[in-house]
Amino acid sequence: MSATERDERDRPVPRVVAGVSMRDLLASCAAAKAVSTPPRAPEPRSPRLPEGHREAA
């Protein structure tokens, strides 16, 4: 048996314990995105044409 095989065999197996539900994880991601995304710039206003002016078809 090589040293690497012995090291792998003696190494403890990591145990995974889920502390957060998938719903909570997705909610936290959505909240982080909402907080970190800057607000959108306002839409540019279209210039108003005078009341008596009509656009050509």
PDB file of N, CA and C in Angstrom:
ATOM      1  N   MET A   1       0.859  -1.180   0.000  1.00  0.00           N
ATOM      2  CA  MET A   1       0.000   0.000   0.000  1.00  0.00           C
ATOM      3  C   MET A   1       0.897   1.233   0.000  1.00  0.00           C
ATOM      4  N   SER A   2       0.617   2.164  -0.891  1.00  0.00           N
ATOM      5  CA  SER A   2       1.439   3.365  -0.977  1.00  0.00           C
ATOM      6  C   SER A   2       1.019   4.360   0.111  1.00  0.00           C
ATOM      7  N   ALA A   3       1.851   5.361   0.298  1.00  0.00           N
ATOM      8  CA  ALA A   3       1.570   6.364   1.329  1.00  0.00           C
ATOM      9  C   ALA A   3       0.309   7.149   1.001  1.00  0.00           C
ATOM     10  N   THR A   4       0.072   7.438  -0.286  1.00  0.00           N
ATOM     11  CA  THR A   4      -1.124   8.208  -0.652  1.00  0.00           C
ATOM     12  C   THR A   4      -2.392   7.397  -0.414  1.00  0.00           C
ATOM     13  N   GLU A   5      -2.340   6.095  -0.681  1.00  0.00           N
ATOM     14  CA  GLU A   5      -3.516   5.253  -0.416  1.00  0.00           C
ATOM     15  C   GLU A   5      -3.802   5.185   1.076  1.00  0.00           C
ATOM     16  N   ARG A   6      -2.764   5.105   1.873  1.00  0.00           N
ATOM     17  CA  ARG A   6      -2.944   5.036   3.325  1.00  0.00           C
ATOM     18  C   ARG A   6      -3.503   6.363   3.844  1.00  0.00           C
ATOM     19  N   ASP A   7      -2.993   7.495   3.307  1.00  0.00           N
ATOM     20  CA  ASP A   7      -3.481   8.804   3.739  1.00  0.00           C
ATOM     21  C   ASP A   7      -4.950   8.984   3.389  1.00  0.00           C
ATOM     22  N   GLU A   8      -5.338   8.538   2.201  1.00  0.00           N
ATOM     23  CA  GLU A   8      -6.741   8.673   1.788  1.00  0.00           C
ATOM     24  C   GLU A   8      -7.647   7.809   2.639  1.00  0.00           C
ATOM     25  N   ARG A   9      -7.180   6.611   3.007  1.00  0.00           N
ATOM     26  CA  ARG A   9      -7.992   5.702   3.794  1.00  0.00           C
ATOM     27  C   ARG A   9      -8.176   6.217   5.218  1.00  0.00           C
ATOM     28  N   ASP A  10      -7.129   6.856   5.785  1.00  0.00           N
ATOM     29  CA  ASP A  10      -7.175   7.323   7.169  1.00  0.00           C
ATOM     30  C   ASP A  10      -7.858   8.672   7.310  1.00  0.00           C
ATOM     31  N   ARG A  11      -8.061   9.344   6.213  1.00  0.00           N
ATOM     32  CA  ARG A  11      -8.688  10.666   6.259  1.00  0.00           C
ATOM     33  C   ARG A  11     -10.170  10.518   6.607  1.00  0.00           C
ATOM     34  N   PRO A  12     -10.682  11.319   7.548  1.00  0.00           N
ATOM     35  CA  PRO A  12     -12.110  11.213   7.874  1.00  0.00           C
ATOM     36  C   PRO A  12     -12.974  11.703   6.710  1.00  0.00           C
ATOM     37  N   VAL A  13     -14.112  11.087   6.540  1.00  0.00           N
ATOM     38  CA  VAL A  13     -15.038  11.459   5.471  1.00  0.00           C
ATOM     39  C   VAL A  13     -15.814  12.686   5.928  1.00  0.00           C
ATOM     40  N   PRO A  14     -15.779  13.771   5.155  1.00  0.00           N
ATOM     41  CA  PRO A  14     -16.532  14.963   5.565  1.00  0.00           C
ATOM     42  C   PRO A  14     -18.032  14.692   5.519  1.00  0.00           C
ATOM     43  N   ARG A  15     -18.717  15.151   6.534  1.00  0.00           N
ATOM     44  CA  ARG A  15     -20.169  14.995   6.580  1.00  0.00           C
ATOM     45  C   ARG A  15     -20.808  16.313   6.192  1.00  0.00           C
ATOM     46  N   VAL A  16     -21.776  16.244   5.335  1.00  0.00           N
ATOM     47  CA  VAL A  16     -22.476  17.444   4.878  1.00  0.00           C
ATOM     48  C   VAL A  16     -23.787  17.541   5.638  1.00  0.00           C
ATOM     49  N   VAL A  17     -23.963  18.651   6.300  1.00  0.00           N
ATOM     50  CA  VAL A  17     -25.197  18.882   7.037  1.00  0.00           C
ATOM     51  C   VAL A  17     -25.837  20.129   6.447  1.00  0.00           C
ATOM     52  N   ALA A  18     -27.020  19.964   5.911  1.00  0.00           N
ATOM     53  CA  ALA A  18     -27.723  21.099   5.311  1.00  0.00           C
ATOM     54  C   ALA A  18     -28.335  21.932   6.431  1.00  0.00           C
ATOM     55  N   GLY A  19     -27.885  23.149   6.545  1.00  0.00           N
ATOM     56  CA  GLY A  19     -28.411  24.035   7.573  1.00  0.00           C
ATOM     57  C   GLY A  19     -29.418  25.029   7.014  1.00  0.00           C
ATOM     58  N   VAL A  20     -29.515  25.105   5.689  1.00  0.00           N
ATOM     59  CA  VAL A  20     -30.400  26.084   5.062  1.00  0.00           C
ATOM     60  C   VAL A  20     -31.224  25.358   3.999  1.00  0.00           C
ATOM     61  N   SER A  21     -32.514  25.640   3.987  1.00  0.00           N
ATOM     62  CA  SER A  21     -33.356  25.005   2.971  1.00  0.00           C
ATOM     63  C   SER A  21     -33.119  25.681   1.621  1.00  0.00           C
ATOM     64  N   MET A  22     -33.466  24.981   0.568  1.00  0.00           N
ATOM     65  CA  MET A  22     -33.290  25.528  -0.784  1.00  0.00           C
ATOM     66  C   MET A  22     -34.140  26.786  -0.945  1.00  0.00           C
ATOM     67  N   ARG A  23     -35.322  26.808  -0.360  1.00  0.00           N
ATOM     68  CA  ARG A  23     -36.191  27.985  -0.456  1.00  0.00           C
ATOM     69  C   ARG A  23     -35.526  29.203   0.193  1.00  0.00           C
ATOM     70  N   ASP A  24     -34.928  29.002   1.370  1.00  0.00           N
ATOM     71  CA  ASP A  24     -34.246  30.102   2.043  1.00  0.00           C
ATOM     72  C   ASP A  24     -33.024  30.557   1.260  1.00  0.00           C
ATOM     73  N   LEU A  25     -32.304  29.607   0.686  1.00  0.00           N
ATOM     74  CA  LEU A  25     -31.129  29.950  -0.108  1.00  0.00           C
ATOM     75  C   LEU A  25     -31.518  30.782  -1.325  1.00  0.00           C
ATOM     76  N   LEU A  26     -32.558  30.367  -2.045  1.00  0.00           N
ATOM     77  CA  LEU A  26     -33.000  31.120  -3.219  1.00  0.00           C
ATOM     78  C   LEU A  26     -33.539  32.492  -2.832  1.00  0.00           C
ATOM     79  N   ALA A  27     -34.238  32.561  -1.705  1.00  0.00           N
ATOM     80  CA  ALA A  27     -34.761  33.850  -1.243  1.00  0.00           C
ATOM     81  C   ALA A  27     -33.617  34.796  -0.890  1.00  0.00           C
ATOM     82  N   SER A  28     -32.571  34.273  -0.263  1.00  0.00           N
ATOM     83  CA  SER A  28     -31.449  35.134   0.098  1.00  0.00           C
ATOM     84  C   SER A  28     -30.711  35.623  -1.148  1.00  0.00           C
ATOM     85  N   CYS A  29     -30.624  34.774  -2.166  1.00  0.00           N
ATOM     86  CA  CYS A  29     -29.990  35.189  -3.423  1.00  0.00           C
ATOM     87  C   CYS A  29     -30.807  36.285  -4.106  1.00  0.00           C
ATOM     88  N   ALA A  30     -32.121  36.127  -4.109  1.00  0.00           N
ATOM     89  CA  ALA A  30     -32.979  37.144  -4.727  1.00  0.00           C
ATOM     90  C   ALA A  30     -32.889  38.461  -3.967  1.00  0.00           C
ATOM     91  N   ALA A  31     -32.829  38.387  -2.643  1.00  0.00           N
ATOM     92  CA  ALA A  31     -32.718  39.602  -1.840  1.00  0.00           C
ATOM     93  C   ALA A  31     -31.369  40.281  -2.080  1.00  0.00           C
ATOM     94  N   ALA A  32     -30.310  39.505  -2.164  1.00  0.00           N
ATOM     95  CA  ALA A  32     -28.987  40.088  -2.408  1.00  0.00           C
ATOM     96  C   ALA A  32     -28.939  40.764  -3.772  1.00  0.00           C
ATOM     97  N   LYS A  33     -29.561  40.142  -4.760  1.00  0.00           N
ATOM     98  CA  LYS A  33     -29.577  40.740  -6.099  1.00  0.00           C
ATOM     99  C   LYS A  33     -30.372  42.048  -6.096  1.00  0.00           C
ATOM    100  N   ALA A  34     -31.507  42.057  -5.395  1.00  0.00           N
ATOM    101  CA  ALA A  34     -32.336  43.264  -5.345  1.00  0.00           C
ATOM    102  C   ALA A  34     -31.605  44.405  -4.654  1.00  0.00           C
ATOM    103  N   VAL A  35     -30.856  44.089  -3.615  1.00  0.00           N
ATOM    104  CA  VAL A  35     -30.154  45.124  -2.869  1.00  0.00           C
ATOM    105  C   VAL A  35     -28.935  45.633  -3.634  1.00  0.00           C
ATOM    106  N   SER A  36     -28.246  44.755  -4.354  1.00  0.00           N
ATOM    107  CA  SER A  36     -27.012  45.153  -5.014  1.00  0.00           C
ATOM    108  C   SER A  36     -27.209  45.723  -6.407  1.00  0.00           C
ATOM    109  N   THR A  37     -28.405  45.609  -6.977  1.00  0.00           N
ATOM    110  CA  THR A  37     -28.665  46.137  -8.312  1.00  0.00           C
ATOM    111  C   THR A  37     -29.091  47.601  -8.199  1.00  0.00           C
ATOM    112  N   PRO A  38     -28.398  48.506  -8.892  1.00  0.00           N
ATOM    113  CA  PRO A  38     -28.796  49.916  -8.822  1.00  0.00           C
ATOM    114  C   PRO A  38     -30.134  50.122  -9.519  1.00  0.00           C
ATOM    115  N   PRO A  39     -30.869  51.152  -9.112  1.00  0.00           N
ATOM    116  CA  PRO A  39     -32.153  51.409  -9.748  1.00  0.00           C
ATOM    117  C   PRO A  39     -31.968  51.777 -11.218  1.00  0.00           C
ATOM    118  N   ARG A  40     -32.987  51.465 -12.003  1.00  0.00           N
ATOM    119  CA  ARG A  40     -32.920  51.800 -13.426  1.00  0.00           C
ATOM    120  C   ARG A  40     -33.064  53.297 -13.611  1.00  0.00           C
ATOM    121  N   ALA A  41     -32.411  53.807 -14.662  1.00  0.00           N
ATOM    122  CA  ALA A  41     -32.530  55.225 -14.988  1.00  0.00           C
ATOM    123  C   ALA A  41     -33.936  55.477 -15.517  1.00  0.00           C
ATOM    124  N   PRO A  42     -34.474  56.652 -15.235  1.00  0.00           N
ATOM    125  CA  PRO A  42     -35.821  56.944 -15.742  1.00  0.00           C
ATOM    126  C   PRO A  42     -35.827  56.969 -17.270  1.00  0.00           C
ATOM    127  N   GLU A  43     -36.959  56.594 -17.832  1.00  0.00           N
ATOM    128  CA  GLU A  43     -37.112  56.606 -19.290  1.00  0.00           C
ATOM    129  C   GLU A  43     -37.024  58.051 -19.775  1.00  0.00           C
ATOM    130  N   PRO A  44     -36.307  58.289 -20.885  1.00  0.00           N
ATOM    131  CA  PRO A  44     -36.251  59.664 -21.397  1.00  0.00           C
ATOM    132  C   PRO A  44     -37.629  60.088 -21.886  1.00  0.00           C
ATOM    133  N   ARG A  45     -37.974  61.309 -21.595  1.00  0.00           N
ATOM    134  CA  ARG A  45     -39.283  61.823 -22.002  1.00  0.00           C
ATOM    135  C   ARG A  45     -39.242  62.174 -23.473  1.00  0.00           C
ATOM    136  N   SER A  46     -40.272  61.782 -24.177  1.00  0.00           N
ATOM    137  CA  SER A  46     -40.343  62.159 -25.584  1.00  0.00           C
ATOM    138  C   SER A  46     -40.828  63.602 -25.666  1.00  0.00           C
ATOM    139  N   PRO A  47     -40.235  64.373 -26.561  1.00  0.00           N
ATOM    140  CA  PRO A  47     -40.666  65.777 -26.663  1.00  0.00           C
ATOM    141  C   PRO A  47     -42.110  65.838 -27.156  1.00  0.00           C
ATOM    142  N   ARG A  48     -42.871  66.632 -26.498  1.00  0.00           N
ATOM    143  CA  ARG A  48     -44.283  66.789 -26.882  1.00  0.00           C
ATOM    144  C   ARG A  48     -44.394  67.721 -28.075  1.00  0.00           C
ATOM    145  N   LEU A  49     -45.227  67.312 -29.006  1.00  0.00           N
ATOM    146  CA  LEU A  49     -45.460  68.166 -30.163  1.00  0.00           C
ATOM    147  C   LEU A  49     -46.547  69.174 -29.800  1.00  0.00           C
ATOM    148  N   PRO A  50     -46.478  70.340 -30.407  1.00  0.00           N
ATOM    149  CA  PRO A  50     -47.531  71.341 -30.134  1.00  0.00           C
ATOM    150  C   PRO A  50     -48.907  70.769 -30.511  1.00  0.00           C
ATOM    151  N   GLU A  51     -49.930  71.258 -29.841  1.00  0.00           N
ATOM    152  CA  GLU A  51     -51.292  70.716 -30.031  1.00  0.00           C
ATOM    153  C   GLU A  51     -51.770  70.810 -31.471  1.00  0.00           C
ATOM    154  N   GLY A  52     -51.452  71.881 -32.167  1.00  0.00           N
ATOM    155  CA  GLY A  52     -51.942  72.067 -33.515  1.00  0.00           C
ATOM    156  C   GLY A  52     -51.114  71.314 -34.565  1.00  0.00           C
ATOM    157  N   HIS A  53     -50.005  70.776 -34.169  1.00  0.00           N
ATOM    158  CA  HIS A  53     -49.110  70.102 -35.118  1.00  0.00           C
ATOM    159  C   HIS A  53     -49.475  68.629 -35.237  1.00  0.00           C
ATOM    160  N   ARG A  54     -49.523  68.129 -36.484  1.00  0.00           N
ATOM    161  CA  ARG A  54     -49.799  66.717 -36.706  1.00  0.00           C
ATOM    162  C   ARG A  54     -48.647  66.119 -37.472  1.00  0.00           C
ATOM    163  N   GLU A  55     -48.307  64.891 -37.135  1.00  0.00           N
ATOM    164  CA  GLU A  55     -47.237  64.208 -37.851  1.00  0.00           C
ATOM    165  C   GLU A  55     -47.747  63.676 -39.159  1.00  0.00           C
ATOM    166  N   ALA A  56     -46.864  63.664 -40.166  1.00  0.00           N
ATOM    167  CA  ALA A  56     -47.250  63.127 -41.454  1.00  0.00           C
ATOM    168  C   ALA A  56     -47.355  61.606 -41.356  1.00  0.00           C
ATOM    169  N   ALA A  57     -48.234  61.025 -42.151  1.00  0.00           N
ATOM    170  CA  ALA A  57     -48.449  59.595 -42.095  1.00  0.00           C
ATOM    171  C   ALA A  57     -47.382  58.825 -42.795  1.00  0.00           C
TER     172      ALA A  57
END
